[in-house]
Amino acid sequence: MKKPTHILITLTFAFACFSLWAMLKTLGTVSIGNPQLLPGFTRLCLGLSPCLLLLPIPVVGYCCYALFRRQQTEQGGIAFLACAMSALCLVFFPVLLAVFLPCLRLMER
């Protein structure tokens, strides 16, 4: 896999993690007046939101390793893409659920 592809995957992953963190941070600031209105799962995700900023560190580390290693082989490129995007999907869906749960509670009223 070419070096720009590794960089593009890493940047996409880091931007997506930062965007998910920003969504949770915005939800936390909007509901700062009364946090008891938030469902428990949403409060849990709000508490774990700083972990979203730590998630890109291993991906950036592997990207640097892939860019600067001496032996330029083609192995692991597809595996890097699959692992990064799978990790993103595993984080994306719970965060999306946490953001939409307060919306469902508002629609019930």
Protein backbone atom coordinates (compact mmCIF):
# COMPACT_ATOMS: atom_id res chain seq x y z
CA MET A 1 0.00 0.00 0.00
CA LYS A 2 1.35 3.42 -0.84
CA LYS A 3 2.44 5.90 1.81
CA PRO A 4 -0.23 8.52 0.99
CA THR A 5 -2.91 5.89 1.55
CA HIS A 6 -1.63 5.22 5.06
CA ILE A 7 -1.65 8.93 5.76
CA LEU A 8 -5.17 9.34 4.37
CA ILE A 9 -6.52 6.46 6.48
CA THR A 10 -4.86 7.88 9.59
CA LEU A 11 -6.18 11.39 8.99
CA THR A 12 -9.70 10.09 8.33
CA PHE A 13 -9.64 8.01 11.50
CA ALA A 14 -8.31 10.89 13.62
CA PHE A 15 -10.84 13.36 12.18
CA ALA A 16 -13.71 10.93 12.80
CA CYS A 17 -12.64 10.36 16.42
CA PHE A 18 -12.32 14.10 16.99
CA SER A 19 -15.77 14.67 15.43
CA LEU A 20 -17.37 12.05 17.67
CA TRP A 21 -15.71 13.64 20.69
CA ALA A 22 -17.03 17.05 19.60
CA MET A 23 -20.56 15.66 19.26
CA LEU A 24 -20.45 14.28 22.79
CA LYS A 25 -18.88 17.46 24.14
CA THR A 26 -21.63 19.54 22.52
CA LEU A 27 -24.30 17.28 23.99
CA GLY A 28 -22.67 17.66 27.40
CA THR A 29 -22.64 21.45 27.21
CA VAL A 30 -26.23 21.65 26.00
CA SER A 31 -27.49 19.54 28.89
CA ILE A 32 -25.26 21.15 31.54
CA GLY A 33 -28.28 22.78 33.19
CA ASN A 34 -29.97 19.50 34.09
CA PRO A 35 -27.86 16.37 33.55
CA GLN A 36 -30.56 14.17 35.12
CA LEU A 37 -32.58 14.43 31.91
CA LEU A 38 -29.96 12.42 30.04
CA PRO A 39 -30.30 8.62 29.85
CA GLY A 40 -27.74 6.53 31.70
CA PHE A 41 -26.02 5.27 28.55
CA THR A 42 -25.57 8.83 27.33
CA ARG A 43 -24.04 9.87 30.65
CA LEU A 44 -21.70 6.87 30.44
CA CYS A 45 -20.58 7.85 26.94
CA LEU A 46 -20.10 11.45 28.07
CA GLY A 47 -17.85 10.22 30.85
CA LEU A 48 -15.80 8.11 28.43
CA SER A 49 -15.54 10.80 25.76
CA PRO A 50 -11.88 11.70 26.54
CA CYS A 51 -10.97 8.18 25.44
CA LEU A 52 -12.00 9.17 21.91
CA LEU A 53 -9.06 11.57 21.84
CA LEU A 54 -6.67 8.76 22.82
CA LEU A 55 -7.97 6.31 20.24
CA PRO A 56 -6.01 7.70 17.25
CA ILE A 57 -2.64 7.37 19.02
CA PRO A 58 -2.04 3.68 18.08
CA VAL A 59 -3.21 4.36 14.52
CA VAL A 60 -0.79 7.28 14.18
CA GLY A 61 1.96 5.12 15.68
CA TYR A 62 1.42 2.35 13.16
CA CYS A 63 1.26 4.87 10.33
CA CYS A 64 4.63 6.31 11.38
CA TYR A 65 6.03 2.81 11.60
CA ALA A 66 4.73 1.97 8.13
CA LEU A 67 6.12 5.19 6.65
CA PHE A 68 9.60 5.00 8.13
CA ARG A 69 10.42 1.28 8.10
CA ARG A 70 13.33 0.27 5.95
CA GLN A 71 11.78 -2.79 4.41
CA GLN A 72 9.04 -1.58 2.07
CA THR A 73 6.75 -4.56 1.63
CA GLU A 74 3.13 -4.53 0.58
CA GLN A 75 1.90 -6.63 3.49
CA GLY A 76 -0.48 -5.24 6.07
CA GLY A 77 -1.98 -2.39 4.08
CA ILE A 78 -5.42 -3.87 3.75
CA ALA A 79 -5.27 -5.17 7.31
CA PHE A 80 -4.47 -1.63 8.52
CA LEU A 81 -7.48 -0.25 6.67
CA ALA A 82 -9.75 -3.01 7.97
CA CYS A 83 -8.62 -2.65 11.58
CA ALA A 84 -8.86 1.13 11.60
CA MET A 85 -12.31 1.26 10.07
CA SER A 86 -13.60 -1.61 12.22
CA ALA A 87 -12.46 0.20 15.35
CA LEU A 88 -14.15 3.34 14.08
CA CYS A 89 -17.42 1.50 13.50
CA LEU A 90 -17.27 -0.07 16.98
CA VAL A 91 -16.96 3.41 18.48
CA PHE A 92 -19.27 5.24 16.07
CA PHE A 93 -22.47 3.29 16.71
CA PRO A 94 -22.53 3.60 20.53
CA VAL A 95 -21.75 7.32 20.28
CA LEU A 96 -24.51 7.77 17.70
CA LEU A 97 -26.92 5.94 19.99
CA ALA A 98 -25.86 8.07 22.94
CA VAL A 99 -26.49 11.26 20.97
CA PHE A 100 -29.92 10.19 19.70
CA LEU A 101 -31.27 8.82 23.00
CA PRO A 102 -32.02 12.31 24.40
CA CYS A 103 -33.80 13.13 21.14
CA LEU A 104 -36.09 10.14 21.61
CA ARG A 105 -36.87 11.26 25.13
CA LEU A 106 -37.79 14.72 23.84
CA MET A 107 -40.09 13.22 21.19
CA GLU A 108 -41.98 11.25 23.85
CA ARG A 109 -43.05 14.48 25.56
